[in-house]
Amino acid sequence: MKKTFKLNIENKHPDRLLESIKHEIRKYIKREKRKPLPDGVNYWDLKCKFAKNEEEPYSINFNDITKYINEASDEKCESFYMEILSTEGIKEEKTIEDEKEDEKE
């Protein structure tokens, strides 16, 4: 998803508009995570970029998406850009020996 969302639309309440934007983003994320995983892949890793108005997009943490959207709304920005791309993620399985080494450190 690469999309610019407008935060000020005539005849729409800003709070309802903000909630509909968040709903659309959540729907997209759920759809991406439901896709079947290729062989050797454990999960879908989501790479996110964000920009207010006409700024250059910068990388953000997936867990901070709503924080940045709320921040843009609070600053009365005209629009914001959101980019969410799913990539293949591979988690390495920890062995008991690795866990013991982590505890020693």
Protein backbone atom coordinates (compact mmCIF):
# COMPACT_ATOMS: atom_id res chain seq x y z
CA MET A 1 0.00 0.00 0.00
CA LYS A 2 1.35 3.36 -1.04
CA LYS A 3 -1.24 6.01 -0.45
CA THR A 4 -1.71 9.65 0.49
CA PHE A 5 -4.58 10.23 2.89
CA LYS A 6 -6.30 13.63 3.15
CA LEU A 7 -7.23 14.70 6.67
CA ASN A 8 -9.45 17.64 5.72
CA ILE A 9 -12.39 16.74 3.51
CA GLU A 10 -15.39 19.02 3.29
CA ASN A 11 -18.62 17.70 4.84
CA LYS A 12 -16.81 14.99 6.84
CA HIS A 13 -16.12 15.20 10.54
CA PRO A 14 -12.34 14.99 11.17
CA ASP A 15 -12.70 12.35 13.90
CA ARG A 16 -14.82 10.06 11.71
CA LEU A 17 -12.42 10.55 8.80
CA LEU A 18 -9.45 9.66 11.00
CA GLU A 19 -11.16 6.49 12.21
CA SER A 20 -12.01 5.43 8.66
CA ILE A 21 -8.36 5.91 7.62
CA LYS A 22 -7.16 3.77 10.54
CA HIS A 23 -9.77 1.13 9.67
CA GLU A 24 -8.58 1.01 6.05
CA ILE A 25 -4.96 0.56 7.16
CA ARG A 26 -5.88 -2.19 9.64
CA LYS A 27 -7.90 -3.96 6.95
CA TYR A 28 -4.92 -3.88 4.59
CA ILE A 29 -2.58 -5.25 7.26
CA LYS A 30 -4.95 -8.12 8.07
CA ARG A 31 -5.25 -8.95 4.37
CA GLU A 32 -1.47 -9.01 3.94
CA LYS A 33 -0.94 -11.23 6.98
CA ARG A 34 -3.54 -13.74 5.70
CA LYS A 35 -1.60 -14.42 2.51
CA PRO A 36 -0.03 -17.89 2.37
CA LEU A 37 3.63 -17.99 3.39
CA PRO A 38 6.26 -19.24 0.93
CA ASP A 39 8.42 -22.21 1.91
CA GLY A 40 11.07 -21.37 4.50
CA VAL A 41 9.34 -18.19 5.68
CA ASN A 42 7.92 -17.85 9.21
CA TYR A 43 5.95 -14.59 8.99
CA TRP A 44 5.22 -11.49 6.94
CA ASP A 45 7.44 -8.58 7.98
CA LEU A 46 5.84 -5.19 7.33
CA LYS A 47 8.11 -2.31 6.30
CA CYS A 48 6.51 1.08 6.91
CA LYS A 49 7.23 4.62 5.76
CA PHE A 50 5.42 7.80 6.76
CA ALA A 51 5.46 11.46 5.73
CA LYS A 52 3.39 14.50 6.68
CA ASN A 53 2.17 16.81 3.91
CA GLU A 54 4.93 17.04 1.26
CA GLU A 55 7.87 15.81 3.37
CA GLU A 56 10.21 13.01 2.31
CA PRO A 57 8.95 9.63 3.66
CA TYR A 58 10.99 8.08 6.47
CA SER A 59 10.95 4.58 7.95
CA ILE A 60 8.89 3.96 11.05
CA ASN A 61 8.30 0.98 13.30
CA PHE A 62 5.18 -1.06 12.47
CA ASN A 63 3.90 -0.72 16.05
CA ASP A 64 3.98 3.11 15.85
CA ILE A 65 1.67 3.57 12.86
CA THR A 66 -1.31 4.89 14.84
CA LYS A 67 0.95 7.14 16.91
CA TYR A 68 2.21 8.89 13.76
CA ILE A 69 -1.29 9.16 12.29
CA ASN A 70 -2.61 10.73 15.51
CA GLU A 71 0.38 13.09 15.58
CA ALA A 72 -0.36 14.26 12.02
CA SER A 73 -3.99 14.81 12.95
CA ASP A 74 -3.11 16.75 16.11
CA GLU A 75 -0.77 19.01 14.10
CA LYS A 76 -3.66 19.78 11.70
CA CYS A 77 -1.75 18.50 8.66
CA GLU A 78 -3.60 18.60 5.35
CA SER A 79 -2.53 15.07 4.41
CA PHE A 80 -0.06 12.30 5.14
CA TYR A 81 1.62 9.57 3.12
CA MET A 82 1.66 5.96 4.33
CA GLU A 83 3.59 3.13 2.72
CA ILE A 84 3.28 -0.44 4.01
CA LEU A 85 5.07 -3.23 2.17
CA SER A 86 5.11 -6.86 3.24
CA THR A 87 8.39 -8.75 3.01
CA GLU A 88 9.35 -12.26 3.94
CA GLY A 89 10.52 -12.63 7.53
CA ILE A 90 12.49 -15.52 8.96
CA LYS A 91 12.85 -15.99 12.70
CA GLU A 92 15.73 -18.14 13.81
CA GLU A 93 14.73 -20.73 16.36
CA LYS A 94 16.51 -20.34 19.68
CA THR A 95 17.98 -23.43 21.22
CA ILE A 96 18.33 -24.07 24.92
CA GLU A 97 22.07 -23.30 24.68
CA ASP A 98 21.35 -19.88 23.13
CA GLU A 99 18.94 -19.05 25.97
CA LYS A 100 21.54 -20.00 28.60
CA GLU A 101 24.10 -17.72 26.88
CA ASP A 102 21.58 -14.84 26.89
CA GLU A 103 21.01 -15.30 30.63
CA LYS A 104 24.77 -15.16 31.35
CA GLU A 105 25.13 -11.80 29.60
